PDB file of N, CA and C in Angstrom:
ATOM      1  N   MET A   1       0.854  -1.177   0.000  1.00  0.00           N
ATOM      2  CA  MET A   1       0.000   0.000   0.000  1.00  0.00           C
ATOM      3  C   MET A   1       0.900   1.241   0.000  1.00  0.00           C
ATOM      4  N   ASP A   2       0.497   2.245  -0.724  1.00  0.00           N
ATOM      5  CA  ASP A   2       1.216   3.508  -0.814  1.00  0.00           C
ATOM      6  C   ASP A   2       1.331   4.146   0.566  1.00  0.00           C
ATOM      7  N   THR A   3       2.523   4.648   0.913  1.00  0.00           N
ATOM      8  CA  THR A   3       2.716   5.240   2.244  1.00  0.00           C
ATOM      9  C   THR A   3       1.844   6.468   2.458  1.00  0.00           C
ATOM     10  N   THR A   4       1.516   7.188   1.382  1.00  0.00           N
ATOM     11  CA  THR A   4       0.631   8.350   1.509  1.00  0.00           C
ATOM     12  C   THR A   4      -0.758   7.909   1.937  1.00  0.00           C
ATOM     13  N   VAL A   5      -1.238   6.809   1.357  1.00  0.00           N
ATOM     14  CA  VAL A   5      -2.557   6.288   1.703  1.00  0.00           C
ATOM     15  C   VAL A   5      -2.561   5.808   3.148  1.00  0.00           C
ATOM     16  N   VAL A   6      -1.509   5.121   3.557  1.00  0.00           N
ATOM     17  CA  VAL A   6      -1.413   4.631   4.931  1.00  0.00           C
ATOM     18  C   VAL A   6      -1.427   5.812   5.898  1.00  0.00           C
ATOM     19  N   LYS A   7      -0.665   6.860   5.601  1.00  0.00           N
ATOM     20  CA  LYS A   7      -0.618   8.031   6.474  1.00  0.00           C
ATOM     21  C   LYS A   7      -1.987   8.700   6.564  1.00  0.00           C
ATOM     22  N   MET A   8      -2.701   8.797   5.430  1.00  0.00           N
ATOM     23  CA  MET A   8      -4.039   9.391   5.432  1.00  0.00           C
ATOM     24  C   MET A   8      -4.997   8.568   6.285  1.00  0.00           C
ATOM     25  N   GLU A   9      -4.908   7.246   6.200  1.00  0.00           N
ATOM     26  CA  GLU A   9      -5.760   6.375   7.005  1.00  0.00           C
ATOM     27  C   GLU A   9      -5.452   6.546   8.490  1.00  0.00           C
ATOM     28  N   GLU A  10      -4.174   6.663   8.847  1.00  0.00           N
ATOM     29  CA  GLU A  10      -3.796   6.869  10.241  1.00  0.00           C
ATOM     30  C   GLU A  10      -4.330   8.204  10.757  1.00  0.00           C
ATOM     31  N   GLU A  11      -4.219   9.261   9.943  1.00  0.00           N
ATOM     32  CA  GLU A  11      -4.735  10.568  10.340  1.00  0.00           C
ATOM     33  C   GLU A  11      -6.246  10.532  10.497  1.00  0.00           C
ATOM     34  N   LYS A  12      -6.928   9.831   9.608  1.00  0.00           N
ATOM     35  CA  LYS A  12      -8.390   9.699   9.689  1.00  0.00           C
ATOM     36  C   LYS A  12      -8.775   8.985  10.982  1.00  0.00           C
ATOM     37  N   GLN A  13      -8.062   7.911  11.329  1.00  0.00           N
ATOM     38  CA  GLN A  13      -8.346   7.171  12.557  1.00  0.00           C
ATOM     39  C   GLN A  13      -8.109   8.061  13.775  1.00  0.00           C
ATOM     40  N   ASN A  14      -7.038   8.852  13.763  1.00  0.00           N
ATOM     41  CA  ASN A  14      -6.759   9.760  14.878  1.00  0.00           C
ATOM     42  C   ASN A  14      -7.872  10.790  15.029  1.00  0.00           C
ATOM     43  N   ASP A  15      -8.392  11.336  13.911  1.00  0.00           N
ATOM     44  CA  ASP A  15      -9.493  12.287  13.959  1.00  0.00           C
ATOM     45  C   ASP A  15     -10.724  11.657  14.584  1.00  0.00           C
ATOM     46  N   VAL A  16     -11.015  10.414  14.198  1.00  0.00           N
ATOM     47  CA  VAL A  16     -12.171   9.704  14.743  1.00  0.00           C
ATOM     48  C   VAL A  16     -12.012   9.537  16.247  1.00  0.00           C
ATOM     49  N   GLU A  17     -10.852   9.122  16.684  1.00  0.00           N
ATOM     50  CA  GLU A  17     -10.629   8.880  18.107  1.00  0.00           C
ATOM     51  C   GLU A  17     -10.694  10.171  18.919  1.00  0.00           C
ATOM     52  N   ASP A  18     -10.368  11.296  18.320  1.00  0.00           N
ATOM     53  CA  ASP A  18     -10.386  12.573  19.029  1.00  0.00           C
ATOM     54  C   ASP A  18     -11.756  13.243  19.025  1.00  0.00           C
ATOM     55  N   ASN A  19     -12.671  12.823  18.170  1.00  0.00           N
ATOM     56  CA  ASN A  19     -13.939  13.521  17.990  1.00  0.00           C
ATOM     57  C   ASN A  19     -15.167  12.613  18.155  1.00  0.00           C
ATOM     58  N   PHE A  20     -15.101  11.681  19.059  1.00  0.00           N
ATOM     59  CA  PHE A  20     -16.230  10.767  19.237  1.00  0.00           C
ATOM     60  C   PHE A  20     -17.369  11.435  19.996  1.00  0.00           C
ATOM     61  N   TYR A  21     -18.567  10.916  19.810  1.00  0.00           N
ATOM     62  CA  TYR A  21     -19.768  11.471  20.432  1.00  0.00           C
ATOM     63  C   TYR A  21     -19.775  11.246  21.942  1.00  0.00           C
ATOM     64  N   GLU A  22     -19.371  10.044  22.358  1.00  0.00           N
ATOM     65  CA  GLU A  22     -19.450   9.692  23.777  1.00  0.00           C
ATOM     66  C   GLU A  22     -18.519   8.514  24.045  1.00  0.00           C
ATOM     67  N   GLU A  23     -18.044   8.398  25.281  1.00  0.00           N
ATOM     68  CA  GLU A  23     -17.330   7.201  25.726  1.00  0.00           C
ATOM     69  C   GLU A  23     -18.342   6.284  26.389  1.00  0.00           C
ATOM     70  N   VAL A  24     -18.354   5.015  25.991  1.00  0.00           N
ATOM     71  CA  VAL A  24     -19.331   4.067  26.517  1.00  0.00           C
ATOM     72  C   VAL A  24     -18.608   2.805  26.980  1.00  0.00           C
ATOM     73  N   ASP A  25     -18.857   2.414  28.213  1.00  0.00           N
ATOM     74  CA  ASP A  25     -18.312   1.166  28.721  1.00  0.00           C
ATOM     75  C   ASP A  25     -19.036   0.007  28.048  1.00  0.00           C
ATOM     76  N   ILE A  26     -18.296  -1.003  27.659  1.00  0.00           N
ATOM     77  CA  ILE A  26     -18.893  -2.128  26.944  1.00  0.00           C
ATOM     78  C   ILE A  26     -19.971  -2.822  27.784  1.00  0.00           C
ATOM     79  N   ASP A  27     -19.861  -2.733  29.107  1.00  0.00           N
ATOM     80  CA  ASP A  27     -20.874  -3.325  29.989  1.00  0.00           C
ATOM     81  C   ASP A  27     -22.221  -2.617  29.863  1.00  0.00           C
ATOM     82  N   ASP A  28     -22.216  -1.393  29.356  1.00  0.00           N
ATOM     83  CA  ASP A  28     -23.458  -0.636  29.170  1.00  0.00           C
ATOM     84  C   ASP A  28     -24.087  -0.880  27.797  1.00  0.00           C
ATOM     85  N   MET A  29     -23.448  -1.707  26.991  1.00  0.00           N
ATOM     86  CA  MET A  29     -23.954  -1.985  25.647  1.00  0.00           C
ATOM     87  C   MET A  29     -24.753  -3.282  25.652  1.00  0.00           C
ATOM     88  N   GLU A  30     -25.679  -3.393  24.704  1.00  0.00           N
ATOM     89  CA  GLU A  30     -26.482  -4.606  24.537  1.00  0.00           C
ATOM     90  C   GLU A  30     -25.735  -5.545  23.604  1.00  0.00           C
ATOM     91  N   TYR A  31     -25.685  -6.844  23.962  1.00  0.00           N
ATOM     92  CA  TYR A  31     -24.958  -7.821  23.146  1.00  0.00           C
ATOM     93  C   TYR A  31     -25.924  -8.767  22.449  1.00  0.00           C
ATOM     94  N   ASP A  32     -25.735  -8.949  21.139  1.00  0.00           N
ATOM     95  CA  ASP A  32     -26.517  -9.899  20.351  1.00  0.00           C
ATOM     96  C   ASP A  32     -25.621 -11.094  20.046  1.00  0.00           C
ATOM     97  N   GLU A  33     -25.923 -12.247  20.678  1.00  0.00           N
ATOM     98  CA  GLU A  33     -25.090 -13.436  20.516  1.00  0.00           C
ATOM     99  C   GLU A  33     -25.097 -13.954  19.084  1.00  0.00           C
ATOM    100  N   ASP A  34     -26.236 -13.892  18.404  1.00  0.00           N
ATOM    101  CA  ASP A  34     -26.318 -14.391  17.028  1.00  0.00           C
ATOM    102  C   ASP A  34     -25.422 -13.583  16.089  1.00  0.00           C
ATOM    103  N   LEU A  35     -25.412 -12.275  16.255  1.00  0.00           N
ATOM    104  CA  LEU A  35     -24.612 -11.397  15.394  1.00  0.00           C
ATOM    105  C   LEU A  35     -23.196 -11.181  15.939  1.00  0.00           C
ATOM    106  N   GLU A  36     -22.966 -11.604  17.191  1.00  0.00           N
ATOM    107  CA  GLU A  36     -21.696 -11.367  17.874  1.00  0.00           C
ATOM    108  C   GLU A  36     -21.314  -9.891  17.794  1.00  0.00           C
ATOM    109  N   THR A  37     -22.295  -9.046  18.143  1.00  0.00           N
ATOM    110  CA  THR A  37     -22.147  -7.606  18.016  1.00  0.00           C
ATOM    111  C   THR A  37     -22.719  -6.905  19.240  1.00  0.00           C
ATOM    112  N   PHE A  38     -22.020  -5.861  19.680  1.00  0.00           N
ATOM    113  CA  PHE A  38     -22.500  -5.008  20.761  1.00  0.00           C
ATOM    114  C   PHE A  38     -23.193  -3.794  20.157  1.00  0.00           C
ATOM    115  N   PHE A  39     -24.293  -3.366  20.779  1.00  0.00           N
ATOM    116  CA  PHE A  39     -25.074  -2.223  20.293  1.00  0.00           C
ATOM    117  C   PHE A  39     -25.282  -1.216  21.417  1.00  0.00           C
ATOM    118  N   TYR A  40     -25.437   0.057  21.011  1.00  0.00           N
ATOM    119  CA  TYR A  40     -25.725   1.134  21.953  1.00  0.00           C
ATOM    120  C   TYR A  40     -26.600   2.155  21.229  1.00  0.00           C
ATOM    121  N   PRO A  41     -27.650   2.670  21.871  1.00  0.00           N
ATOM    122  CA  PRO A  41     -28.558   3.604  21.186  1.00  0.00           C
ATOM    123  C   PRO A  41     -27.849   4.873  20.688  1.00  0.00           C
ATOM    124  N   CYS A  42     -28.175   5.263  19.478  1.00  0.00           N
ATOM    125  CA  CYS A  42     -27.662   6.493  18.882  1.00  0.00           C
ATOM    126  C   CYS A  42     -28.769   7.542  18.918  1.00  0.00           C
ATOM    127  N   PRO A  43     -28.437   8.813  19.091  1.00  0.00           N
ATOM    128  CA  PRO A  43     -29.468   9.859  19.116  1.00  0.00           C
ATOM    129  C   PRO A  43     -30.300   9.935  17.835  1.00  0.00           C
ATOM    130  N   CYS A  44     -29.779   9.409  16.729  1.00  0.00           N
ATOM    131  CA  CYS A  44     -30.523   9.472  15.466  1.00  0.00           C
ATOM    132  C   CYS A  44     -31.660   8.452  15.425  1.00  0.00           C
ATOM    133  N   GLY A  45     -31.685   7.520  16.395  1.00  0.00           N
ATOM    134  CA  GLY A  45     -32.734   6.504  16.433  1.00  0.00           C
ATOM    135  C   GLY A  45     -32.229   5.122  16.069  1.00  0.00           C
ATOM    136  N   ASP A  46     -31.076   5.027  15.449  1.00  0.00           N
ATOM    137  CA  ASP A  46     -30.472   3.738  15.123  1.00  0.00           C
ATOM    138  C   ASP A  46     -29.590   3.322  16.297  1.00  0.00           C
ATOM    139  N   ARG A  47     -28.615   2.449  16.064  1.00  0.00           N
ATOM    140  CA  ARG A  47     -27.736   1.999  17.137  1.00  0.00           C
ATOM    141  C   ARG A  47     -26.274   1.982  16.678  1.00  0.00           C
ATOM    142  N   PHE A  48     -25.381   2.414  17.565  1.00  0.00           N
ATOM    143  CA  PHE A  48     -23.954   2.231  17.338  1.00  0.00           C
ATOM    144  C   PHE A  48     -23.686   0.739  17.420  1.00  0.00           C
ATOM    145  N   GLN A  49     -22.645   0.285  16.725  1.00  0.00           N
ATOM    146  CA  GLN A  49     -22.329  -1.135  16.786  1.00  0.00           C
ATOM    147  C   GLN A  49     -20.830  -1.381  16.668  1.00  0.00           C
ATOM    148  N   ILE A  50     -20.390  -2.453  17.329  1.00  0.00           N
ATOM    149  CA  ILE A  50     -19.020  -2.931  17.223  1.00  0.00           C
ATOM    150  C   ILE A  50     -19.067  -4.442  17.401  1.00  0.00           C
ATOM    151  N   THR A  51     -18.354  -5.165  16.552  1.00  0.00           N
ATOM    152  CA  THR A  51     -18.400  -6.627  16.582  1.00  0.00           C
ATOM    153  C   THR A  51     -17.292  -7.198  17.460  1.00  0.00           C
ATOM    154  N   ASN A  52     -17.459  -8.466  17.838  1.00  0.00           N
ATOM    155  CA  ASN A  52     -16.407  -9.156  18.588  1.00  0.00           C
ATOM    156  C   ASN A  52     -15.106  -9.164  17.800  1.00  0.00           C
ATOM    157  N   ALA A  53     -15.195  -9.413  16.503  1.00  0.00           N
ATOM    158  CA  ALA A  53     -14.000  -9.457  15.659  1.00  0.00           C
ATOM    159  C   ALA A  53     -13.269  -8.114  15.685  1.00  0.00           C
ATOM    160  N   GLN A  54     -14.022  -7.019  15.636  1.00  0.00           N
ATOM    161  CA  GLN A  54     -13.398  -5.697  15.697  1.00  0.00           C
ATOM    162  C   GLN A  54     -12.706  -5.485  17.036  1.00  0.00           C
ATOM    163  N   ILE A  55     -13.332  -5.919  18.100  1.00  0.00           N
ATOM    164  CA  ILE A  55     -12.745  -5.783  19.433  1.00  0.00           C
ATOM    165  C   ILE A  55     -11.460  -6.594  19.535  1.00  0.00           C
ATOM    166  N   LEU A  56     -11.481  -7.822  19.041  1.00  0.00           N
ATOM    167  CA  LEU A  56     -10.285  -8.660  19.079  1.00  0.00           C
ATOM    168  C   LEU A  56      -9.159  -8.087  18.237  1.00  0.00           C
ATOM    169  N   ASP A  57      -9.498  -7.286  17.229  1.00  0.00           N
ATOM    170  CA  ASP A  57      -8.500  -6.603  16.398  1.00  0.00           C
ATOM    171  C   ASP A  57      -8.022  -5.304  17.044  1.00  0.00           C
ATOM    172  N   GLY A  58      -8.571  -4.962  18.224  1.00  0.00           N
ATOM    173  CA  GLY A  58      -8.142  -3.767  18.924  1.00  0.00           C
ATOM    174  C   GLY A  58      -8.940  -2.510  18.600  1.00  0.00           C
ATOM    175  N   GLU A  59     -10.011  -2.657  17.832  1.00  0.00           N
ATOM    176  CA  GLU A  59     -10.860  -1.508  17.480  1.00  0.00           C
ATOM    177  C   GLU A  59     -11.569  -0.998  18.728  1.00  0.00           C
ATOM    178  N   THR A  60     -11.710   0.318  18.840  1.00  0.00           N
ATOM    179  CA  THR A  60     -12.411   0.910  19.981  1.00  0.00           C
ATOM    180  C   THR A  60     -13.546   1.832  19.538  1.00  0.00           C
ATOM    181  N   ILE A  61     -13.796   1.914  18.240  1.00  0.00           N
ATOM    182  CA  ILE A  61     -14.794   2.840  17.715  1.00  0.00           C
ATOM    183  C   ILE A  61     -16.055   2.086  17.305  1.00  0.00           C
ATOM    184  N   GLY A  62     -17.183   2.467  17.922  1.00  0.00           N
ATOM    185  CA  GLY A  62     -18.487   1.939  17.523  1.00  0.00           C
ATOM    186  C   GLY A  62     -19.138   2.934  16.580  1.00  0.00           C
ATOM    187  N   ARG A  63     -19.587   2.469  15.442  1.00  0.00           N
ATOM    188  CA  ARG A  63     -20.152   3.358  14.427  1.00  0.00           C
ATOM    189  C   ARG A  63     -21.654   3.157  14.290  1.00  0.00           C
ATOM    190  N   CYS A  64     -22.349   4.235  13.953  1.00  0.00           N
ATOM    191  CA  CYS A  64     -23.770   4.162  13.643  1.00  0.00           C
ATOM    192  C   CYS A  64     -23.899   4.043  12.128  1.00  0.00           C
ATOM    193  N   PRO A  65     -24.658   3.042  11.640  1.00  0.00           N
ATOM    194  CA  PRO A  65     -24.793   2.878  10.193  1.00  0.00           C
ATOM    195  C   PRO A  65     -25.697   3.919   9.536  1.00  0.00           C
ATOM    196  N   SER A  66     -26.435   4.689  10.328  1.00  0.00           N
ATOM    197  CA  SER A  66     -27.405   5.635   9.768  1.00  0.00           C
ATOM    198  C   SER A  66     -26.964   7.093   9.803  1.00  0.00           C
ATOM    199  N   CYS A  67     -25.900   7.410  10.539  1.00  0.00           N
ATOM    200  CA  CYS A  67     -25.461   8.802  10.619  1.00  0.00           C
ATOM    201  C   CYS A  67     -23.950   8.854  10.742  1.00  0.00           C
ATOM    202  N   THR A  68     -23.421  10.014  10.998  1.00  0.00           N
ATOM    203  CA  THR A  68     -21.962  10.189  11.053  1.00  0.00           C
ATOM    204  C   THR A  68     -21.393  10.097  12.463  1.00  0.00           C
ATOM    205  N   LEU A  69     -22.224   9.830  13.446  1.00  0.00           N
ATOM    206  CA  LEU A  69     -21.742   9.757  14.827  1.00  0.00           C
ATOM    207  C   LEU A  69     -21.017   8.446  15.100  1.00  0.00           C
ATOM    208  N   TYR A  70     -20.116   8.481  16.063  1.00  0.00           N
ATOM    209  CA  TYR A  70     -19.428   7.286  16.515  1.00  0.00           C
ATOM    210  C   TYR A  70     -19.095   7.455  17.986  1.00  0.00           C
ATOM    211  N   ILE A  71     -18.890   6.326  18.657  1.00  0.00           N
ATOM    212  CA  ILE A  71     -18.576   6.335  20.084  1.00  0.00           C
ATOM    213  C   ILE A  71     -17.240   5.640  20.313  1.00  0.00           C
ATOM    214  N   LYS A  72     -16.626   5.949  21.432  1.00  0.00           N
ATOM    215  CA  LYS A  72     -15.430   5.229  21.851  1.00  0.00           C
ATOM    216  C   LYS A  72     -15.882   4.179  22.864  1.00  0.00           C
ATOM    217  N   VAL A  73     -15.608   2.925  22.561  1.00  0.00           N
ATOM    218  CA  VAL A  73     -16.020   1.812  23.411  1.00  0.00           C
ATOM    219  C   VAL A  73     -14.869   1.475  24.359  1.00  0.00           C
ATOM    220  N   LEU A  74     -15.171   1.482  25.653  1.00  0.00           N
ATOM    221  CA  LEU A  74     -14.172   1.201  26.680  1.00  0.00           C
ATOM    222  C   LEU A  74     -14.292  -0.251  27.122  1.00  0.00           C
ATOM    223  N   TYR A  75     -13.185  -0.977  27.050  1.00  0.00           N
ATOM    224  CA  TYR A  75     -13.185  -2.384  27.458  1.00  0.00           C
ATOM    225  C   TYR A  75     -11.767  -2.817  27.772  1.00  0.00           C
ATOM    226  N   ASP A  76     -11.651  -3.903  28.525  1.00  0.00           N
ATOM    227  CA  ASP A  76     -10.376  -4.568  28.787  1.00  0.00           C
ATOM    228  C   ASP A  76     -10.486  -5.977  28.233  1.00  0.00           C
ATOM    229  N   LEU A  77      -9.542  -6.354  27.380  1.00  0.00           N
ATOM    230  CA  LEU A  77      -9.533  -7.718  26.873  1.00  0.00           C
ATOM    231  C   LEU A  77      -9.049  -8.648  27.975  1.00  0.00           C
ATOM    232  N   VAL A  78      -9.716  -9.784  28.119  1.00  0.00           N
ATOM    233  CA  VAL A  78      -9.345 -10.778  29.120  1.00  0.00           C
ATOM    234  C   VAL A  78      -8.931 -12.032  28.372  1.00  0.00           C
ATOM    235  N   SER A  79      -7.706 -12.490  28.615  1.00  0.00           N
ATOM    236  CA  SER A  79      -7.239 -13.708  27.958  1.00  0.00           C
ATOM    237  C   SER A  79      -7.702 -14.920  28.751  1.00  0.00           C
ATOM    238  N   ASP A  80      -7.619 -16.088  28.126  1.00  0.00           N
ATOM    239  CA  ASP A  80      -8.007 -17.328  28.804  1.00  0.00           C
ATOM    240  C   ASP A  80      -7.150 -17.553  30.038  1.00  0.00           C
ATOM    241  N   ASP A  81      -5.862 -17.163  29.968  1.00  0.00           N
ATOM    242  CA  ASP A  81      -4.976 -17.311  31.117  1.00  0.00           C
ATOM    243  C   ASP A  81      -5.440 -16.464  32.285  1.00  0.00           C
ATOM    244  N   ASP A  82      -5.916 -15.233  32.008  1.00  0.00           N
ATOM    245  CA  ASP A  82      -6.417 -14.353  33.066  1.00  0.00           C
ATOM    246  C   ASP A  82      -7.631 -14.960  33.756  1.00  0.00           C
ATOM    247  N   GLU A  83      -8.535 -15.547  32.959  1.00  0.00           N
ATOM    248  CA  GLU A  83      -9.743 -16.140  33.524  1.00  0.00           C
ATOM    249  C   GLU A  83      -9.408 -17.343  34.395  1.00  0.00           C
ATOM    250  N   GLU A  84      -8.426 -18.159  33.980  1.00  0.00           N
ATOM    251  CA  GLU A  84      -8.040 -19.333  34.764  1.00  0.00           C
ATOM    252  C   GLU A  84      -7.430 -18.882  36.086  1.00  0.00           C
ATOM    253  N   GLY A  85      -6.646 -17.801  36.086  1.00  0.00           N
ATOM    254  CA  GLY A  85      -6.025 -17.289  37.308  1.00  0.00           C
ATOM    255  C   GLY A  85      -7.040 -16.797  38.305  1.00  0.00           C
ATOM    256  N   GLU A  86      -8.166 -16.247  37.821  1.00  0.00           N
ATOM    257  CA  GLU A  86      -9.197 -15.742  38.707  1.00  0.00           C
ATOM    258  C   GLU A  86      -9.954 -16.860  39.403  1.00  0.00           C
ATOM    259  N   GLU A  87     -10.008 -18.052  38.770  1.00  0.00           N
ATOM    260  CA  GLU A  87     -10.780 -19.158  39.333  1.00  0.00           C
ATOM    261  C   GLU A  87     -10.039 -19.858  40.461  1.00  0.00           C
ATOM    262  N   GLU A  88      -8.727 -19.681  40.541  1.00  0.00           N
ATOM    263  CA  GLU A  88      -7.936 -20.387  41.556  1.00  0.00           C
ATOM    264  C   GLU A  88      -8.145 -19.836  42.930  1.00  0.00           C
TER     265      GLU A  88
END
């Protein structure tokens, strides 16, 4: 990929992260097991969304498919090793 394109994408991502509508804890979002997606109400009437796959890739931005708003999703990834340590 052209380095100019990569730089533009990085700048675009930085703009998104700096100008989000709201910070939302993932525990406050609704989870759909069939879609493996977290949802949160958007003021436009639709819902912000972020998938499990996006979260595992390190994404923190939930987007609304109906408008230009986006949210920053707050979460901590827990590995299988962390969960086993908590059970002991």
